[in-house]
C-alpha atoms as a PDB file:
ATOM      1  CA  MET A   1      -0.023   0.126   0.079  1.00  0.00           C
ATOM      2  CA  SER A   2       1.302   3.474  -1.099  1.00  0.00           C
ATOM      3  CA  SER A   3      -0.051   6.739  -0.380  1.00  0.00           C
ATOM      4  CA  PHE A   4       0.954   9.857  -1.873  1.00  0.00           C
ATOM      5  CA  GLU A   5       3.329  11.902   0.497  1.00  0.00           C
ATOM      6  CA  ARG A   6       3.982  15.669  -0.313  1.00  0.00           C
ATOM      7  CA  ASP A   7       7.653  16.829   0.274  1.00  0.00           C
ATOM      8  CA  THR A   8       7.091  19.896   2.473  1.00  0.00           C
ATOM      9  CA  ASP A   9      10.869  20.275   3.253  1.00  0.00           C
ATOM     10  CA  TYR A  10      11.139  23.705   2.327  1.00  0.00           C
ATOM     11  CA  LEU A  11      13.646  26.165   2.026  1.00  0.00           C
ATOM     12  CA  PRO A  12      13.190  27.761   5.755  1.00  0.00           C
ATOM     13  CA  ASP A  13      14.238  31.424   5.665  1.00  0.00           C
ATOM     14  CA  ARG A  14      12.272  34.146   6.522  1.00  0.00           C
ATOM     15  CA  ILE A  15      11.078  37.805   5.646  1.00  0.00           C
ATOM     16  CA  THR A  16      10.463  39.748   8.840  1.00  0.00           C
ATOM     17  CA  LEU A  17      10.027  43.556   9.680  1.00  0.00           C
ATOM     18  CA  LYS A  18      12.529  43.166  11.822  1.00  0.00           C
ATOM     19  CA  PRO A  19      15.137  40.464  11.242  1.00  0.00           C
ATOM     20  CA  GLY A  20      15.393  38.091  13.932  1.00  0.00           C
ATOM     21  CA  ARG A  21      11.953  39.019  15.218  1.00  0.00           C
ATOM     22  CA  SER A  22       8.393  38.115  14.156  1.00  0.00           C
ATOM     23  CA  GLN A  23       5.325  40.675  14.162  1.00  0.00           C
ATOM     24  CA  ASP A  24       3.089  37.632  15.050  1.00  0.00           C
ATOM     25  CA  PRO A  25       2.613  37.921  18.760  1.00  0.00           C
ATOM     26  CA  TYR A  26       1.800  34.182  19.307  1.00  0.00           C
ATOM     27  CA  GLU A  27       5.465  33.328  17.632  1.00  0.00           C
ATOM     28  CA  GLY A  28       8.701  33.827  19.152  1.00  0.00           C
ATOM     29  CA  ALA A  29      11.810  34.254  17.580  1.00  0.00           C
ATOM     30  CA  PRO A  30      12.148  32.776  13.884  1.00  0.00           C
ATOM     31  CA  GLU A  31      14.076  29.416  13.978  1.00  0.00           C
ATOM     32  CA  ALA A  32      15.039  30.009  10.524  1.00  0.00           C
ATOM     33  CA  PRO A  33      17.505  32.814   8.911  1.00  0.00           C
ATOM     34  CA  THR A  34      15.382  35.949   8.626  1.00  0.00           C
ATOM     35  CA  TRP A  35      15.542  38.900   5.732  1.00  0.00           C
ATOM     36  CA  HIS A  36      14.505  42.498   6.207  1.00  0.00           C
ATOM     37  CA  ALA A  37      11.009  42.990   5.090  1.00  0.00           C
ATOM     38  CA  ALA A  38      11.744  46.264   2.494  1.00  0.00           C
ATOM     39  CA  PRO A  39       9.519  47.368  -0.282  1.00  0.00           C
ATOM     40  CA  GLY A  40      11.057  46.723  -3.578  1.00  0.00           C
ATOM     41  CA  ALA A  41      13.600  44.402  -2.427  1.00  0.00           C
ATOM     42  CA  PHE A  42      11.804  40.946  -3.052  1.00  0.00           C
ATOM     43  CA  ARG A  43      10.128  39.686  -6.363  1.00  0.00           C
ATOM     44  CA  LEU A  44       7.486  37.106  -5.805  1.00  0.00           C
ATOM     45  CA  VAL A  45       7.721  34.304  -8.281  1.00  0.00           C
ATOM     46  CA  ALA A  46       4.342  32.473  -8.768  1.00  0.00           C
ATOM     47  CA  ALA A  47       2.017  30.404 -11.297  1.00  0.00           C
ATOM     48  CA  TRP A  48      -1.739  31.233 -11.781  1.00  0.00           C
ATOM     49  CA  ALA A  49      -1.805  27.537 -12.682  1.00  0.00           C
ATOM     50  CA  CYS A  50      -0.825  26.161  -9.115  1.00  0.00           C
ATOM     51  CA  PRO A  51      -2.858  26.185  -6.337  1.00  0.00           C
ATOM     52  CA  TRP A  52      -0.093  26.359  -3.723  1.00  0.00           C
ATOM     53  CA  ALA A  53       1.120  29.728  -5.491  1.00  0.00           C
ATOM     54  CA  ASN A  54      -2.394  31.097  -6.334  1.00  0.00           C
ATOM     55  CA  ARG A  55      -2.589  31.516  -2.342  1.00  0.00           C
ATOM     56  CA  ALA A  56       0.596  33.862  -2.533  1.00  0.00           C
ATOM     57  CA  ILE A  57      -1.217  35.813  -5.509  1.00  0.00           C
ATOM     58  CA  ILE A  58      -4.604  36.331  -4.020  1.00  0.00           C
ATOM     59  CA  VAL A  59      -2.973  37.399  -0.433  1.00  0.00           C
ATOM     60  CA  ARG A  60      -0.061  39.760  -2.227  1.00  0.00           C
ATOM     61  CA  GLN A  61      -3.700  41.647  -3.758  1.00  0.00           C
ATOM     62  CA  LEU A  62      -5.868  41.330  -0.705  1.00  0.00           C
ATOM     63  CA  LEU A  63      -3.351  43.120   1.122  1.00  0.00           C
ATOM     64  CA  GLY A  64      -2.239  45.729  -1.250  1.00  0.00           C
ATOM     65  CA  LEU A  65       1.013  44.919  -1.657  1.00  0.00           C
ATOM     66  CA  GLU A  66       1.446  45.119  -5.383  1.00  0.00           C
ATOM     67  CA  ASP A  67       3.479  48.306  -5.669  1.00  0.00           C
ATOM     68  CA  VAL A  68       5.844  46.684  -2.554  1.00  0.00           C
ATOM     69  CA  ILE A  69       6.592  43.346  -3.601  1.00  0.00           C
ATOM     70  CA  SER A  70       7.012  42.743  -7.662  1.00  0.00           C
ATOM     71  CA  MET A  71       5.553  39.362  -9.212  1.00  0.00           C
ATOM     72  CA  GLY A  72       6.751  37.316 -11.818  1.00  0.00           C
ATOM     73  CA  VAL A  73       4.424  34.739 -13.513  1.00  0.00           C
ATOM     74  CA  CYS A  74       5.567  31.587 -14.804  1.00  0.00           C
ATOM     75  CA  GLY A  75       3.963  29.376 -17.596  1.00  0.00           C
ATOM     76  CA  PRO A  76       1.175  26.889 -17.003  1.00  0.00           C
ATOM     77  CA  THR A  77       3.623  24.206 -18.174  1.00  0.00           C
ATOM     78  CA  HIS A  78       7.213  23.080 -17.247  1.00  0.00           C
ATOM     79  CA  ASP A  79       9.445  20.071 -17.805  1.00  0.00           C
ATOM     80  CA  ASP A  80      11.473  17.881 -15.190  1.00  0.00           C
ATOM     81  CA  ARG A  81      13.937  21.242 -14.558  1.00  0.00           C
ATOM     82  CA  SER A  82      11.786  24.168 -13.615  1.00  0.00           C
ATOM     83  CA  TRP A  83       9.506  26.183 -14.195  1.00  0.00           C
ATOM     84  CA  THR A  84       9.369  28.620 -16.765  1.00  0.00           C
ATOM     85  CA  PHE A  85       9.135  32.306 -17.889  1.00  0.00           C
ATOM     86  CA  ASP A  86       7.450  31.535 -20.993  1.00  0.00           C
ATOM     87  CA  LEU A  87       4.752  33.953 -20.843  1.00  0.00           C
ATOM     88  CA  ASP A  88       7.149  36.957 -20.761  1.00  0.00           C
ATOM     89  CA  PRO A  89       8.541  38.580 -24.417  1.00  0.00           C
ATOM     90  CA  ASP A  90      11.912  36.549 -25.049  1.00  0.00           C
ATOM     91  CA  GLU A  91      10.826  33.925 -22.451  1.00  0.00           C
ATOM     92  CA  ARG A  92      12.511  35.572 -20.004  1.00  0.00           C
ATOM     93  CA  ASP A  93      11.562  37.234 -16.577  1.00  0.00           C
ATOM     94  CA  PRO A  94      12.350  40.964 -17.262  1.00  0.00           C
ATOM     95  CA  VAL A  95      13.312  41.810 -13.377  1.00  0.00           C
ATOM     96  CA  LEU A  96      15.189  38.630 -12.781  1.00  0.00           C
ATOM     97  CA  ASP A  97      16.907  37.966 -16.290  1.00  0.00           C
ATOM     98  CA  MET A  98      15.936  34.335 -16.015  1.00  0.00           C
ATOM     99  CA  GLU A  99      14.670  31.794 -18.566  1.00  0.00           C
ATOM    100  CA  ARG A 100      13.812  29.406 -15.717  1.00  0.00           C
ATOM    101  CA  LEU A 101      13.134  29.594 -12.019  1.00  0.00           C
ATOM    102  CA  GLN A 102      15.693  26.780 -11.290  1.00  0.00           C
ATOM    103  CA  GLU A 103      18.667  29.448 -11.878  1.00  0.00           C
ATOM    104  CA  ALA A 104      17.402  31.501  -8.738  1.00  0.00           C
ATOM    105  CA  TYR A 105      17.523  28.207  -6.823  1.00  0.00           C
ATOM    106  CA  LEU A 106      21.178  27.650  -7.719  1.00  0.00           C
ATOM    107  CA  LEU A 107      22.141  30.914  -7.074  1.00  0.00           C
ATOM    108  CA  ARG A 108      21.011  30.039  -3.377  1.00  0.00           C
ATOM    109  CA  ASP A 109      22.546  26.355  -3.467  1.00  0.00           C
ATOM    110  CA  PRO A 110      24.564  25.492  -6.278  1.00  0.00           C
ATOM    111  CA  ALA A 111      24.214  21.935  -5.243  1.00  0.00           C
ATOM    112  CA  TYR A 112      20.333  22.446  -4.919  1.00  0.00           C
ATOM    113  CA  GLU A 113      18.809  18.920  -6.023  1.00  0.00           C
ATOM    114  CA  LYS A 114      14.978  19.306  -4.880  1.00  0.00           C
ATOM    115  CA  GLY A 115      11.786  20.293  -6.299  1.00  0.00           C
ATOM    116  CA  ILE A 116      12.081  23.774  -8.415  1.00  0.00           C
ATOM    117  CA  THR A 117       8.730  24.899  -6.844  1.00  0.00           C
ATOM    118  CA  VAL A 118       6.180  27.904  -6.757  1.00  0.00           C
ATOM    119  CA  PRO A 119       5.497  30.276  -5.020  1.00  0.00           C
ATOM    120  CA  ALA A 120       9.325  31.228  -4.396  1.00  0.00           C
ATOM    121  CA  MET A 121      10.315  34.578  -2.613  1.00  0.00           C
ATOM    122  CA  VAL A 122      13.678  36.041  -4.913  1.00  0.00           C
ATOM    123  CA  ASP A 123      15.866  38.569  -3.309  1.00  0.00           C
ATOM    124  CA  LEU A 124      16.574  40.822  -6.286  1.00  0.00           C
ATOM    125  CA  ALA A 125      20.091  41.859  -5.001  1.00  0.00           C
ATOM    126  CA  THR A 126      21.392  38.399  -5.001  1.00  0.00           C
ATOM    127  CA  ARG A 127      18.646  37.179  -7.402  1.00  0.00           C
ATOM    128  CA  GLN A 128      18.480  33.890  -5.085  1.00  0.00           C
ATOM    129  CA  VAL A 129      15.342  32.426  -3.707  1.00  0.00           C
ATOM    130  CA  VAL A 130      14.865  33.045   0.090  1.00  0.00           C
ATOM    131  CA  THR A 131      12.270  30.772   0.847  1.00  0.00           C
ATOM    132  CA  ASN A 132       9.611  28.552  -1.094  1.00  0.00           C
ATOM    133  CA  ASP A 133       7.621  27.858   2.076  1.00  0.00           C
ATOM    134  CA  PHE A 134       3.948  28.842   0.696  1.00  0.00           C
ATOM    135  CA  PRO A 135       2.236  28.494   3.785  1.00  0.00           C
ATOM    136  CA  GLN A 136       4.853  30.521   5.619  1.00  0.00           C
ATOM    137  CA  ILE A 137       4.723  33.110   2.933  1.00  0.00           C
ATOM    138  CA  THR A 138       1.237  34.047   2.959  1.00  0.00           C
ATOM    139  CA  HIS A 139       1.692  34.152   7.000  1.00  0.00           C
ATOM    140  CA  ASP A 140       4.290  36.570   6.547  1.00  0.00           C
ATOM    141  CA  LEU A 141       2.759  38.874   3.992  1.00  0.00           C
ATOM    142  CA  PHE A 142       0.036  39.397   6.741  1.00  0.00           C
ATOM    143  CA  PHE A 143       2.063  39.776   9.689  1.00  0.00           C
ATOM    144  CA  GLU A 144       5.599  41.228   8.494  1.00  0.00           C
ATOM    145  CA  TRP A 145       4.500  43.479   5.923  1.00  0.00           C
ATOM    146  CA  ARG A 146       1.647  45.341   7.479  1.00  0.00           C
ATOM    147  CA  ASP A 147       3.317  48.220   7.474  1.00  0.00           C
ATOM    148  CA  HIS A 148       2.895  48.360   3.546  1.00  0.00           C
ATOM    149  CA  HIS A 149      -0.892  46.994   3.547  1.00  0.00           C
ATOM    150  CA  ARG A 150      -3.234  49.325   2.215  1.00  0.00           C
ATOM    151  CA  PRO A 151      -5.494  51.082   4.692  1.00  0.00           C
ATOM    152  CA  ASP A 152      -8.543  48.929   4.171  1.00  0.00           C
ATOM    153  CA  ALA A 153      -6.688  45.370   4.441  1.00  0.00           C
ATOM    154  CA  PRO A 154      -8.813  42.481   5.430  1.00  0.00           C
ATOM    155  CA  ASP A 155      -7.829  40.924   8.763  1.00  0.00           C
ATOM    156  CA  LEU A 156      -6.763  37.436   7.294  1.00  0.00           C
ATOM    157  CA  TRP A 157      -5.390  36.352  11.006  1.00  0.00           C
ATOM    158  CA  PRO A 158      -8.263  38.024  13.422  1.00  0.00           C
ATOM    159  CA  GLU A 159      -7.221  37.615  16.883  1.00  0.00           C
ATOM    160  CA  GLY A 160      -9.878  35.724  18.496  1.00  0.00           C
ATOM    161  CA  ASP A 161     -10.225  33.023  15.962  1.00  0.00           C
ATOM    162  CA  ARG A 162      -6.656  31.685  15.314  1.00  0.00           C
ATOM    163  CA  GLU A 163      -6.944  28.832  17.519  1.00  0.00           C
ATOM    164  CA  GLU A 164      -9.761  27.293  15.676  1.00  0.00           C
ATOM    165  CA  MET A 165      -8.649  28.635  12.406  1.00  0.00           C
ATOM    166  CA  GLU A 166      -5.398  26.614  12.653  1.00  0.00           C
ATOM    167  CA  GLU A 167      -7.672  23.589  13.249  1.00  0.00           C
ATOM    168  CA  VAL A 168      -9.876  24.269  10.216  1.00  0.00           C
ATOM    169  CA  MET A 169      -6.897  24.716   8.043  1.00  0.00           C
ATOM    170  CA  ASP A 170      -4.864  21.520   8.964  1.00  0.00           C
ATOM    171  CA  ARG A 171      -8.199  19.960   8.177  1.00  0.00           C
ATOM    172  CA  VAL A 172      -8.581  21.491   4.869  1.00  0.00           C
ATOM    173  CA  TYR A 173      -5.052  20.570   3.837  1.00  0.00           C
ATOM    174  CA  ALA A 174      -4.907  17.464   4.972  1.00  0.00           C
ATOM    175  CA  ASP A 175      -8.136  16.204   3.180  1.00  0.00           C
ATOM    176  CA  VAL A 176      -8.999  18.854   0.556  1.00  0.00           C
ATOM    177  CA  ASN A 177      -5.799  20.570  -0.832  1.00  0.00           C
ATOM    178  CA  ASN A 178      -3.545  17.741  -0.028  1.00  0.00           C
ATOM    179  CA  GLY A 179      -6.217  15.382  -0.514  1.00  0.00           C
ATOM    180  CA  VAL A 180      -7.058  15.747  -4.011  1.00  0.00           C
ATOM    181  CA  TYR A 181      -3.502  14.738  -4.899  1.00  0.00           C
ATOM    182  CA  ARG A 182      -3.830  11.951  -2.329  1.00  0.00           C
ATOM    183  CA  CYS A 183      -6.774  10.699  -4.682  1.00  0.00           C
ATOM    184  CA  GLY A 184      -4.835  11.520  -8.310  1.00  0.00           C
ATOM    185  CA  PHE A 185      -1.458  10.149  -7.229  1.00  0.00           C
ATOM    186  CA  ALA A 186      -2.605   6.914  -5.496  1.00  0.00           C
ATOM    187  CA  ASP A 187      -0.684   3.797  -6.427  1.00  0.00           C
ATOM    188  CA  ASP A 188      -2.997   1.694  -5.351  1.00  0.00           C
ATOM    189  CA  GLN A 189      -6.824   0.916  -4.996  1.00  0.00           C
ATOM    190  CA  ASP A 190      -6.850   1.138  -0.819  1.00  0.00           C
ATOM    191  CA  SER A 191      -4.861   4.455  -0.876  1.00  0.00           C
ATOM    192  CA  TYR A 192      -7.303   5.767  -3.382  1.00  0.00           C
ATOM    193  CA  ASP A 193     -10.072   4.666  -1.276  1.00  0.00           C
ATOM    194  CA  ASP A 194      -9.004   6.122   1.720  1.00  0.00           C
ATOM    195  CA  ALA A 195      -8.063   9.619   0.260  1.00  0.00           C
ATOM    196  CA  PHE A 196     -11.737   9.530  -1.260  1.00  0.00           C
ATOM    197  CA  LYS A 197     -13.532   9.275   1.798  1.00  0.00           C
ATOM    198  CA  GLU A 198     -11.547  11.607   3.672  1.00  0.00           C
ATOM    199  CA  LEU A 199     -11.813  14.262   0.986  1.00  0.00           C
ATOM    200  CA  PHE A 200     -15.632  13.717   0.483  1.00  0.00           C
ATOM    201  CA  ALA A 201     -15.949  13.525   4.357  1.00  0.00           C
ATOM    202  CA  THR A 202     -14.446  16.765   4.465  1.00  0.00           C
ATOM    203  CA  LEU A 203     -16.329  18.654   2.024  1.00  0.00           C
ATOM    204  CA  ASP A 204     -19.853  17.178   3.639  1.00  0.00           C
ATOM    205  CA  TRP A 205     -18.224  18.816   7.093  1.00  0.00           C
ATOM    206  CA  LEU A 206     -17.327  22.102   4.955  1.00  0.00           C
ATOM    207  CA  GLU A 207     -20.948  21.949   3.159  1.00  0.00           C
ATOM    208  CA  ASP A 208     -22.488  21.778   6.452  1.00  0.00           C
ATOM    209  CA  ARG A 209     -20.512  24.639   8.249  1.00  0.00           C
ATOM    210  CA  LEU A 210     -21.013  27.212   5.463  1.00  0.00           C
ATOM    211  CA  THR A 211     -24.530  26.163   5.256  1.00  0.00           C
ATOM    212  CA  ASP A 212     -25.173  29.102   8.027  1.00  0.00           C
ATOM    213  CA  ARG A 213     -22.002  31.094   7.933  1.00  0.00           C
ATOM    214  CA  ARG A 214     -20.735  33.143   4.774  1.00  0.00           C
ATOM    215  CA  PHE A 215     -17.492  32.864   5.303  1.00  0.00           C
ATOM    216  CA  LEU A 216     -15.272  29.535   7.339  1.00  0.00           C
ATOM    217  CA  MET A 217     -14.759  31.942  10.407  1.00  0.00           C
ATOM    218  CA  GLY A 218     -17.931  33.729  10.038  1.00  0.00           C
ATOM    219  CA  ARG A 219     -18.674  37.213   8.488  1.00  0.00           C
ATOM    220  CA  ALA A 220     -15.151  38.085   7.173  1.00  0.00           C
ATOM    221  CA  ILE A 221     -12.831  36.782   4.861  1.00  0.00           C
ATOM    222  CA  THR A 222      -9.803  34.765   6.345  1.00  0.00           C
ATOM    223  CA  GLU A 223      -6.812  33.450   5.405  1.00  0.00           C
ATOM    224  CA  ALA A 224      -8.665  30.235   6.157  1.00  0.00           C
ATOM    225  CA  ASP A 225     -10.640  30.835   2.996  1.00  0.00           C
ATOM    226  CA  VAL A 226      -7.879  31.419   0.597  1.00  0.00           C
ATOM    227  CA  ARG A 227      -6.272  28.390   1.441  1.00  0.00           C
ATOM    228  CA  LEU A 228     -10.027  26.509   0.616  1.00  0.00           C
ATOM    229  CA  PHE A 229     -10.986  28.630  -2.436  1.00  0.00           C
ATOM    230  CA  THR A 230      -7.810  27.770  -4.473  1.00  0.00           C
ATOM    231  CA  THR A 231      -8.984  23.756  -4.450  1.00  0.00           C
ATOM    232  CA  LEU A 232     -12.296  24.563  -5.023  1.00  0.00           C
ATOM    233  CA  ALA A 233     -12.157  26.726  -8.005  1.00  0.00           C
ATOM    234  CA  ARG A 234      -9.990  23.596  -9.426  1.00  0.00           C
ATOM    235  CA  PHE A 235     -12.716  21.041  -8.360  1.00  0.00           C
ATOM    236  CA  ASP A 236     -14.629  20.962 -11.238  1.00  0.00           C
ATOM    237  CA  ALA A 237     -12.229  21.786 -14.138  1.00  0.00           C
ATOM    238  CA  VAL A 238      -9.495  19.588 -13.017  1.00  0.00           C
ATOM    239  CA  TYR A 239      -9.949  17.102  -9.849  1.00  0.00           C
ATOM    240  CA  HIS A 240     -13.117  15.768 -10.615  1.00  0.00           C
ATOM    241  CA  GLY A 241     -11.829  14.173 -13.606  1.00  0.00           C
ATOM    242  CA  HIS A 242      -8.323  14.176 -13.607  1.00  0.00           C
ATOM    243  CA  PHE A 243      -7.864  13.070 -10.366  1.00  0.00           C
ATOM    244  CA  LYS A 244     -10.692  10.881  -9.827  1.00  0.00           C
ATOM    245  CA  CYS A 245     -12.521  13.129  -7.458  1.00  0.00           C
ATOM    246  CA  ASN A 246     -16.014  11.968  -8.886  1.00  0.00           C
ATOM    247  CA  ARG A 247     -18.350  11.325  -6.070  1.00  0.00           C
ATOM    248  CA  ASN A 248     -19.840  14.767  -7.007  1.00  0.00           C
ATOM    249  CA  LYS A 249     -19.105  18.067  -8.486  1.00  0.00           C
ATOM    250  CA  LEU A 250     -18.600  21.205  -6.393  1.00  0.00           C
ATOM    251  CA  THR A 251     -21.946  22.703  -8.451  1.00  0.00           C
ATOM    252  CA  GLU A 252     -23.609  19.799  -6.742  1.00  0.00           C
ATOM    253  CA  MET A 253     -23.165  21.228  -3.451  1.00  0.00           C
ATOM    254  CA  PRO A 254     -25.188  24.375  -2.667  1.00  0.00           C
ATOM    255  CA  ALA A 255     -23.408  25.786   0.197  1.00  0.00           C
ATOM    256  CA  LEU A 256     -19.795  25.086  -1.106  1.00  0.00           C
ATOM    257  CA  TRP A 257     -20.532  26.353  -4.635  1.00  0.00           C
ATOM    258  CA  GLY A 258     -22.320  29.631  -3.109  1.00  0.00           C
ATOM    259  CA  TYR A 259     -19.542  30.211  -1.282  1.00  0.00           C
ATOM    260  CA  ALA A 260     -17.152  29.832  -4.061  1.00  0.00           C
ATOM    261  CA  ARG A 261     -18.837  31.661  -6.268  1.00  0.00           C
ATOM    262  CA  ASP A 262     -18.940  34.453  -3.513  1.00  0.00           C
ATOM    263  CA  LEU A 263     -15.394  34.618  -3.351  1.00  0.00           C
ATOM    264  CA  PHE A 264     -14.826  34.299  -6.655  1.00  0.00           C
ATOM    265  CA  GLN A 265     -16.669  37.358  -7.104  1.00  0.00           C
ATOM    266  CA  THR A 266     -14.545  39.353  -4.529  1.00  0.00           C
ATOM    267  CA  PRO A 267     -11.570  41.122  -5.806  1.00  0.00           C
ATOM    268  CA  GLY A 268      -8.389  39.429  -5.478  1.00  0.00           C
ATOM    269  CA  PHE A 269      -9.899  36.076  -5.815  1.00  0.00           C
ATOM    270  CA  GLY A 270     -11.699  35.333  -9.484  1.00  0.00           C
ATOM    271  CA  ASP A 271      -9.441  38.025 -11.039  1.00  0.00           C
ATOM    272  CA  ASN A 272      -6.520  35.707 -10.106  1.00  0.00           C
ATOM    273  CA  ILE A 273      -8.012  32.593 -11.404  1.00  0.00           C
ATOM    274  CA  VAL A 274      -6.959  31.564 -15.092  1.00  0.00           C
ATOM    275  CA  PHE A 275      -8.737  28.379 -16.078  1.00  0.00           C
ATOM    276  CA  ASP A 276      -6.911  27.810 -19.241  1.00  0.00           C
ATOM    277  CA  GLN A 277      -3.575  28.032 -17.769  1.00  0.00           C
ATOM    278  CA  ILE A 278      -4.846  25.509 -14.668  1.00  0.00           C
ATOM    279  CA  LYS A 279      -6.285  22.815 -17.241  1.00  0.00           C
ATOM    280  CA  ARG A 280      -3.273  23.148 -19.568  1.00  0.00           C
ATOM    281  CA  HIS A 281      -0.833  22.633 -16.202  1.00  0.00           C
ATOM    282  CA  TYR A 282      -2.367  19.618 -14.825  1.00  0.00           C
ATOM    283  CA  HIS A 283      -3.292  17.807 -18.273  1.00  0.00           C
ATOM    284  CA  LEU A 284      -0.132  18.535 -19.926  1.00  0.00           C
ATOM    285  CA  VAL A 285       2.198  18.167 -17.141  1.00  0.00           C
ATOM    286  CA  HIS A 286       1.008  15.068 -15.549  1.00  0.00           C
ATOM    287  CA  THR A 287       1.481  12.828 -18.804  1.00  0.00           C
ATOM    288  CA  HIS A 288       1.282   9.441 -16.731  1.00  0.00           C
ATOM    289  CA  LEU A 289      -2.355  10.228 -15.834  1.00  0.00           C
ATOM    290  CA  ASN A 290      -2.880  11.596 -19.199  1.00  0.00           C
ATOM    291  CA  PRO A 291      -0.660  10.592 -21.936  1.00  0.00           C
ATOM    292  CA  SER A 292      -2.505  11.753 -25.003  1.00  0.00           C
ATOM    293  CA  GLY A 293      -1.633  15.508 -24.083  1.00  0.00           C
ATOM    294  CA  ILE A 294      -5.394  16.315 -24.783  1.00  0.00           C
ATOM    295  CA  VAL A 295      -6.900  19.199 -22.681  1.00  0.00           C
ATOM    296  CA  PRO A 296     -10.192  18.836 -21.896  1.00  0.00           C
ATOM    297  CA  ASP A 297     -12.735  21.879 -23.442  1.00  0.00           C
ATOM    298  CA  GLY A 298     -14.948  22.125 -20.305  1.00  0.00           C
ATOM    299  CA  PRO A 299     -16.485  22.644 -17.961  1.00  0.00           C
ATOM    300  CA  ASP A 300     -19.067  25.637 -18.369  1.00  0.00           C
ATOM    301  CA  LEU A 301     -17.565  28.035 -16.583  1.00  0.00           C
ATOM    302  CA  ASP A 302     -20.453  30.816 -16.912  1.00  0.00           C
ATOM    303  CA  GLY A 303     -22.091  29.627 -13.567  1.00  0.00           C
ATOM    304  CA  TRP A 304     -18.833  31.299 -11.365  1.00  0.00           C
ATOM    305  CA  LEU A 305     -20.733  34.865 -12.345  1.00  0.00           C
ATOM    306  CA  LYS A 306     -23.924  33.869 -11.250  1.00  0.00           C
ATOM    307  CA  PRO A 307     -25.460  35.281  -8.314  1.00  0.00           C
ATOM    308  CA  HIS A 308     -24.259  33.581  -5.060  1.00  0.00           C
ATOM    309  CA  GLY A 309     -26.885  35.274  -2.653  1.00  0.00           C
ATOM    310  CA  ARG A 310     -24.504  34.613   0.418  1.00  0.00           C
ATOM    311  CA  GLY A 311     -24.813  38.225   1.689  1.00  0.00           C
ATOM    312  CA  ARG A 312     -28.052  37.134   3.926  1.00  0.00           C
ATOM    313  CA  LEU A 313     -25.257  35.350   6.078  1.00  0.00           C
END
């Protein structure tokens, strides 16, 4: 029996407002080396195709950090070596002057042998990757870059909700965010069956939770919603068929579907979902799951802009 295990051994460095100190009141001194959170000093390298990178893209816009942290975007497909900047003129990132994100990783460590992942925060002075720890990146965009948020930025980590938020996010990560991959990349029937049951048990739990509350933590958007949304946005377009997560579609779960549309229609969310790139990424990169390389035409995406009726909650 072999179940999918995600490698979460990321580059551990942190970008903090004050080197060696965290602005999160619940956190002590960071264990990893820290860099100074200075405007214009870093570039977020991401991809609209990737759900983990999509989180950072959304949070950066929600907090109004577009003019503080520049962003480079990789194309939806890549080979075994690296994500590439094939969306840019001459297929080079215009700021980093690189064809492949791999170059920034090798500047950090010439012997680097692990995955070249997005999102990645790159130091512009040295052109090397600082960190690719995706949950820590969005956490730090909120806590460590607070001095540079727009005045009406949402409170993505409300103080009174953090303990429950962590519990919700842990379950969502294990059973939904990573759960769809555990279904899609399962090597045997038992592993797939276990992942499938846990995925839909948690989706049923979320459906119940969102029946009488607008967002996961209540009346306001938090980081927990960002983390769930990037998986929901890909569910019918990719995970339902490509990863065999096919008990039902998102559109067949009334509360979750209304919730997903509510977020999609919120600035920062839907305008950072590029369905064509999402479908191309999964169906062209995962050649062992889709050897024909055919990219599906569907599903119909018009429903994302239909009224969601969630304001009553």
